[in-house]
Amino acid sequence: MLQANSHGKVKEMNKLLALLFGLTLSLPSAHAEITSESFLFEVFDGCIEEPMEDTTLGAQLEYCACFTNLMSKEMTLEEATLLSLDIMAADDDEQGEKVLLANEKARKLIAQCMPRLYD
């Protein structure tokens, strides 16, 4: 289950790299919170597009909403961009998953939202 979810995050981060890079360059400094609606919708859409085995659509919607909401509050665009770059530098999806899970903030977000998949 985590592997499918993490693979989705790898795809999501790759998809968002260009958007993140552009947003980061257009801002004078990183904000303590991500407020870009287009960025947050991209995160949510990327999460929803990735199928999760043995999970109802409703549970997946709740998980993705939770992850997107917490990311908006606990990560900056700069942090998200750096994480995306690290994931893109990975040799394959498995290595990208390890990079994602090595990031303390991303791991915390996943852990906080994961119970929504099982409620």
C-alpha atoms as a PDB file:
ATOM      1  CA  MET A   1       0.000   0.000   0.000  1.00  0.00           C
ATOM      2  CA  LEU A   2       2.735   2.456   0.943  1.00  0.00           C
ATOM      3  CA  GLN A   3       4.652   1.591  -2.205  1.00  0.00           C
ATOM      4  CA  ALA A   4       1.698   2.492  -4.448  1.00  0.00           C
ATOM      5  CA  ASN A   5       1.159   5.675  -2.462  1.00  0.00           C
ATOM      6  CA  SER A   6       4.837   6.612  -2.541  1.00  0.00           C
ATOM      7  CA  HIS A   7       5.069   5.860  -6.256  1.00  0.00           C
ATOM      8  CA  GLY A   8       2.208   8.302  -6.708  1.00  0.00           C
ATOM      9  CA  LYS A   9       4.121  10.915  -4.786  1.00  0.00           C
ATOM     10  CA  VAL A  10       7.158  10.362  -7.005  1.00  0.00           C
ATOM     11  CA  LYS A  11       5.019  10.888 -10.115  1.00  0.00           C
ATOM     12  CA  GLU A  12       3.330  13.852  -8.477  1.00  0.00           C
ATOM     13  CA  MET A  13       6.626  15.496  -7.574  1.00  0.00           C
ATOM     14  CA  ASN A  14       7.992  14.989 -11.072  1.00  0.00           C
ATOM     15  CA  LYS A  15       4.864  16.525 -12.570  1.00  0.00           C
ATOM     16  CA  LEU A  16       5.078  19.532 -10.287  1.00  0.00           C
ATOM     17  CA  LEU A  17       8.746  20.331 -10.788  1.00  0.00           C
ATOM     18  CA  ALA A  18       8.205  22.895 -13.544  1.00  0.00           C
ATOM     19  CA  LEU A  19       5.359  24.553 -11.662  1.00  0.00           C
ATOM     20  CA  LEU A  20       7.349  24.671  -8.439  1.00  0.00           C
ATOM     21  CA  PHE A  21      10.408  26.047 -10.163  1.00  0.00           C
ATOM     22  CA  GLY A  22       8.390  28.811 -11.806  1.00  0.00           C
ATOM     23  CA  LEU A  23       6.585  29.707  -8.607  1.00  0.00           C
ATOM     24  CA  THR A  24       9.800  29.769  -6.603  1.00  0.00           C
ATOM     25  CA  LEU A  25      11.470  32.079  -9.108  1.00  0.00           C
ATOM     26  CA  SER A  26       8.497  34.434  -9.142  1.00  0.00           C
ATOM     27  CA  LEU A  27       8.464  34.891  -5.372  1.00  0.00           C
ATOM     28  CA  PRO A  28      10.859  37.288  -3.664  1.00  0.00           C
ATOM     29  CA  SER A  29      11.248  34.855  -0.766  1.00  0.00           C
ATOM     30  CA  ALA A  30       9.784  31.569   0.373  1.00  0.00           C
ATOM     31  CA  HIS A  31       6.628  31.846   2.435  1.00  0.00           C
ATOM     32  CA  ALA A  32       6.089  29.919   5.653  1.00  0.00           C
ATOM     33  CA  GLU A  33       3.023  28.426   4.011  1.00  0.00           C
ATOM     34  CA  ILE A  34       2.093  27.410   0.474  1.00  0.00           C
ATOM     35  CA  THR A  35      -0.822  29.559  -0.686  1.00  0.00           C
ATOM     36  CA  SER A  36      -0.696  28.965  -4.439  1.00  0.00           C
ATOM     37  CA  GLU A  37      -4.028  27.443  -5.441  1.00  0.00           C
ATOM     38  CA  SER A  38      -2.622  26.107  -8.707  1.00  0.00           C
ATOM     39  CA  PHE A  39       0.201  24.323  -6.882  1.00  0.00           C
ATOM     40  CA  LEU A  40      -2.136  22.827  -4.281  1.00  0.00           C
ATOM     41  CA  PHE A  41      -4.601  21.649  -6.936  1.00  0.00           C
ATOM     42  CA  GLU A  42      -1.709  20.006  -8.805  1.00  0.00           C
ATOM     43  CA  VAL A  43      -0.676  18.157  -5.637  1.00  0.00           C
ATOM     44  CA  PHE A  44      -4.251  17.036  -4.976  1.00  0.00           C
ATOM     45  CA  ASP A  45      -4.893  16.015  -8.595  1.00  0.00           C
ATOM     46  CA  GLY A  46      -1.604  14.108  -8.760  1.00  0.00           C
ATOM     47  CA  CYS A  47      -2.534  12.238  -5.597  1.00  0.00           C
ATOM     48  CA  ILE A  48      -6.028  11.348  -6.848  1.00  0.00           C
ATOM     49  CA  GLU A  49      -4.750  10.178 -10.243  1.00  0.00           C
ATOM     50  CA  GLU A  50      -2.609   7.491  -8.617  1.00  0.00           C
ATOM     51  CA  PRO A  51      -4.682   4.357  -7.879  1.00  0.00           C
ATOM     52  CA  MET A  52      -4.418   2.990  -4.351  1.00  0.00           C
ATOM     53  CA  GLU A  53      -5.036  -0.723  -3.948  1.00  0.00           C
ATOM     54  CA  ASP A  54      -7.720  -1.890  -1.520  1.00  0.00           C
ATOM     55  CA  THR A  55      -8.835   1.684  -0.869  1.00  0.00           C
ATOM     56  CA  THR A  56     -12.206   3.241  -1.572  1.00  0.00           C
ATOM     57  CA  LEU A  57     -12.341   6.411  -3.622  1.00  0.00           C
ATOM     58  CA  GLY A  58     -13.767   8.260  -0.618  1.00  0.00           C
ATOM     59  CA  ALA A  59     -10.853   7.214   1.588  1.00  0.00           C
ATOM     60  CA  GLN A  60      -8.389   8.207  -1.129  1.00  0.00           C
ATOM     61  CA  LEU A  61     -10.070  11.618  -1.472  1.00  0.00           C
ATOM     62  CA  GLU A  62      -9.771  12.133   2.290  1.00  0.00           C
ATOM     63  CA  TYR A  63      -6.122  11.074   2.295  1.00  0.00           C
ATOM     64  CA  CYS A  64      -5.230  13.344  -0.627  1.00  0.00           C
ATOM     65  CA  ALA A  65      -7.096  16.292   0.895  1.00  0.00           C
ATOM     66  CA  CYS A  66      -5.316  15.707   4.210  1.00  0.00           C
ATOM     67  CA  PHE A  67      -1.890  15.489   2.566  1.00  0.00           C
ATOM     68  CA  THR A  68      -2.474  18.604   0.446  1.00  0.00           C
ATOM     69  CA  ASN A  69      -3.814  20.586   3.399  1.00  0.00           C
ATOM     70  CA  LEU A  70      -0.945  19.669   5.707  1.00  0.00           C
ATOM     71  CA  MET A  71       1.620  20.262   2.975  1.00  0.00           C
ATOM     72  CA  SER A  72       0.215  23.757   2.468  1.00  0.00           C
ATOM     73  CA  LYS A  73       0.689  24.499   6.166  1.00  0.00           C
ATOM     74  CA  GLU A  74       3.961  22.735   6.930  1.00  0.00           C
ATOM     75  CA  MET A  75       6.139  23.092   3.810  1.00  0.00           C
ATOM     76  CA  THR A  76       7.390  26.071   1.862  1.00  0.00           C
ATOM     77  CA  LEU A  77       7.596  26.191  -1.913  1.00  0.00           C
ATOM     78  CA  GLU A  78      11.366  26.086  -1.574  1.00  0.00           C
ATOM     79  CA  GLU A  79      11.215  22.900   0.520  1.00  0.00           C
ATOM     80  CA  ALA A  80       8.797  21.288  -1.920  1.00  0.00           C
ATOM     81  CA  THR A  81      11.030  22.280  -4.840  1.00  0.00           C
ATOM     82  CA  LEU A  82      14.138  20.861  -3.193  1.00  0.00           C
ATOM     83  CA  LEU A  83      12.315  17.623  -2.427  1.00  0.00           C
ATOM     84  CA  SER A  84      11.127  17.425  -6.036  1.00  0.00           C
ATOM     85  CA  LEU A  85      14.652  17.945  -7.326  1.00  0.00           C
ATOM     86  CA  ASP A  86      15.993  15.232  -5.024  1.00  0.00           C
ATOM     87  CA  ILE A  87      13.294  12.811  -6.182  1.00  0.00           C
ATOM     88  CA  MET A  88      13.972  13.630  -9.832  1.00  0.00           C
ATOM     89  CA  ALA A  89      17.679  12.949  -9.282  1.00  0.00           C
ATOM     90  CA  ALA A  90      16.846   9.427  -8.079  1.00  0.00           C
ATOM     91  CA  ASP A  91      17.839   6.573 -10.375  1.00  0.00           C
ATOM     92  CA  ASP A  92      14.413   4.906 -10.310  1.00  0.00           C
ATOM     93  CA  ASP A  93      11.012   4.922  -8.566  1.00  0.00           C
ATOM     94  CA  GLU A  94      12.287   2.819  -5.667  1.00  0.00           C
ATOM     95  CA  GLN A  95      15.115   5.259  -5.002  1.00  0.00           C
ATOM     96  CA  GLY A  96      12.671   8.167  -5.385  1.00  0.00           C
ATOM     97  CA  GLU A  97      10.462   6.547  -2.753  1.00  0.00           C
ATOM     98  CA  LYS A  98      13.438   6.322  -0.404  1.00  0.00           C
ATOM     99  CA  VAL A  99      14.207  10.006  -0.986  1.00  0.00           C
ATOM    100  CA  LEU A 100      10.593  10.908  -0.221  1.00  0.00           C
ATOM    101  CA  LEU A 101      10.523   8.833   2.958  1.00  0.00           C
ATOM    102  CA  ALA A 102      13.901  10.204   4.071  1.00  0.00           C
ATOM    103  CA  ASN A 103      12.390  13.691   4.123  1.00  0.00           C
ATOM    104  CA  GLU A 104      11.185  14.239   7.679  1.00  0.00           C
ATOM    105  CA  LYS A 105       8.365  16.622   6.764  1.00  0.00           C
ATOM    106  CA  ALA A 106       7.028  14.425   3.955  1.00  0.00           C
ATOM    107  CA  ARG A 107       7.199  11.343   6.188  1.00  0.00           C
ATOM    108  CA  LYS A 108       5.296  13.213   8.917  1.00  0.00           C
ATOM    109  CA  LEU A 109       2.571  14.267   6.461  1.00  0.00           C
ATOM    110  CA  ILE A 110       2.176  10.716   5.173  1.00  0.00           C
ATOM    111  CA  ALA A 111       1.998   9.341   8.731  1.00  0.00           C
ATOM    112  CA  GLN A 112      -0.616  11.897   9.783  1.00  0.00           C
ATOM    113  CA  CYS A 113      -2.837  11.214   6.783  1.00  0.00           C
ATOM    114  CA  MET A 114      -2.399   7.450   6.368  1.00  0.00           C
ATOM    115  CA  PRO A 115      -5.056   6.546   9.003  1.00  0.00           C
ATOM    116  CA  ARG A 116      -7.675   8.148   6.733  1.00  0.00           C
ATOM    117  CA  LEU A 117      -7.159   5.265   4.322  1.00  0.00           C
ATOM    118  CA  TYR A 118      -8.263   2.783   6.974  1.00  0.00           C
ATOM    119  CA  ASP A 119     -11.140   4.566   8.747  1.00  0.00           C
END
